[in-house]
Amino acid sequence: MDDVSEKTKDAQMRAIINAKLLETGERERLKEVLRQKLIECGWRDQLKAHCKEVVKQKGLENITVDDLVAEITPKGRALIPDSVKKDLLHRIRTFLNEHPEL
């Protein structure tokens, strides 16, 4: 199978899984669990401090929300603890195992 058809198949599968997550309400539950875990581990506070630092460096008048998001996104992703990522992945796998039709 070539790369294009493999990527198309992956995209279709992601869309199907996402639709099922939305339909069952599991997506919202996962988002809430993730939100809580990120707050508990201090990620939110770390990212907030980083935002303040970036705004201070660039100046409030010289930065847009889009600029700020582009600036903090890589660090925000890097700061997510592996334990939180593993827990979320485990929850998604459990969901998929409970829905064998996917």
Protein backbone atom coordinates (compact mmCIF):
# COMPACT_ATOMS: atom_id res chain seq x y z
CA MET A 1 0.00 0.00 0.00
CA ASP A 2 1.41 3.40 -0.89
CA ASP A 3 1.82 6.31 1.53
CA VAL A 4 -1.10 8.32 0.12
CA SER A 5 -3.69 5.56 0.51
CA GLU A 6 -2.29 4.69 3.97
CA LYS A 7 -2.62 8.32 5.07
CA THR A 8 -6.15 8.48 3.64
CA LYS A 9 -7.09 5.29 5.48
CA ASP A 10 -5.59 6.67 8.74
CA ALA A 11 -7.49 9.94 8.33
CA GLN A 12 -10.75 8.07 7.70
CA MET A 13 -10.21 5.91 10.78
CA ARG A 14 -9.45 8.97 12.94
CA ALA A 15 -12.65 10.62 11.66
CA ILE A 16 -14.71 7.51 12.49
CA ILE A 17 -13.21 7.24 15.99
CA ASN A 18 -13.69 10.96 16.62
CA ALA A 19 -17.32 10.73 15.51
CA LYS A 20 -17.91 7.83 17.92
CA LEU A 21 -16.18 9.74 20.75
CA LEU A 22 -18.47 12.70 20.09
CA GLU A 23 -21.60 10.59 19.71
CA THR A 24 -21.08 8.79 23.02
CA GLY A 25 -19.98 11.87 24.96
CA GLU A 26 -16.63 10.24 25.68
CA ARG A 27 -14.72 13.06 24.00
CA GLU A 28 -16.04 15.59 26.52
CA ARG A 29 -15.31 13.22 29.41
CA LEU A 30 -11.74 12.75 28.15
CA LYS A 31 -11.29 16.50 27.78
CA GLU A 32 -12.46 17.06 31.34
CA VAL A 33 -10.15 14.37 32.72
CA LEU A 34 -7.26 15.90 30.77
CA ARG A 35 -8.11 19.40 31.99
CA GLN A 36 -8.14 18.23 35.62
CA LYS A 37 -4.89 16.27 35.31
CA LEU A 38 -3.12 19.24 33.70
CA ILE A 39 -4.27 21.52 36.51
CA GLU A 40 -3.24 18.99 39.18
CA CYS A 41 0.27 18.55 37.80
CA GLY A 42 0.87 22.30 37.54
CA TRP A 43 0.96 22.40 33.74
CA ARG A 44 -1.61 25.18 33.55
CA ASP A 45 0.35 27.37 35.96
CA GLN A 46 3.60 26.71 34.07
CA LEU A 47 1.99 27.66 30.77
CA LYS A 48 0.39 30.75 32.28
CA ALA A 49 3.81 31.87 33.56
CA HIS A 50 5.31 31.24 30.14
CA CYS A 51 2.57 33.36 28.52
CA LYS A 52 3.33 36.22 30.88
CA GLU A 53 7.04 35.92 30.11
CA VAL A 54 6.46 36.00 26.34
CA VAL A 55 4.13 39.02 26.60
CA LYS A 56 6.66 40.80 28.81
CA GLN A 57 9.49 40.11 26.36
CA LYS A 58 7.59 41.16 23.23
CA GLY A 59 5.43 43.86 24.77
CA LEU A 60 1.66 43.77 25.04
CA GLU A 61 1.24 46.14 22.10
CA ASN A 62 3.50 44.04 19.86
CA ILE A 63 1.90 40.63 20.14
CA THR A 64 -1.40 39.20 18.93
CA VAL A 65 -3.28 36.26 20.38
CA ASP A 66 -2.29 34.22 17.31
CA ASP A 67 1.39 35.12 17.86
CA LEU A 68 1.14 34.11 21.50
CA VAL A 69 -0.51 30.79 20.67
CA ALA A 70 2.15 30.03 18.05
CA GLU A 71 4.88 30.91 20.55
CA ILE A 72 3.59 28.85 23.49
CA THR A 73 2.17 25.79 21.73
CA PRO A 74 5.47 23.88 21.34
CA LYS A 75 6.42 24.44 24.98
CA GLY A 76 2.89 23.63 26.12
CA ARG A 77 3.01 20.28 24.36
CA ALA A 78 6.49 19.54 25.67
CA LEU A 79 5.46 20.30 29.26
CA ILE A 80 2.66 17.70 29.34
CA PRO A 81 3.91 14.94 31.65
CA ASP A 82 4.33 11.48 30.12
CA SER A 83 2.09 10.05 32.84
CA VAL A 84 -0.79 12.26 31.65
CA LYS A 85 -0.21 11.26 28.01
CA LYS A 86 -0.07 7.56 28.95
CA ASP A 87 -3.26 7.80 31.02
CA LEU A 88 -5.15 9.50 28.19
CA LEU A 89 -3.89 6.94 25.68
CA HIS A 90 -4.96 4.12 28.02
CA ARG A 91 -8.45 5.63 28.32
CA ILE A 92 -8.75 5.92 24.52
CA ARG A 93 -7.59 2.32 24.04
CA THR A 94 -10.11 1.14 26.64
CA PHE A 95 -12.84 3.04 24.78
CA LEU A 96 -11.81 1.40 21.49
CA ASN A 97 -11.79 -2.06 23.10
CA GLU A 98 -15.32 -1.42 24.37
CA HIS A 99 -16.44 -0.57 20.81
CA PRO A 100 -15.15 -3.44 18.65
CA GLU A 101 -17.16 -2.21 15.67
CA LEU A 102 -14.52 0.51 15.19
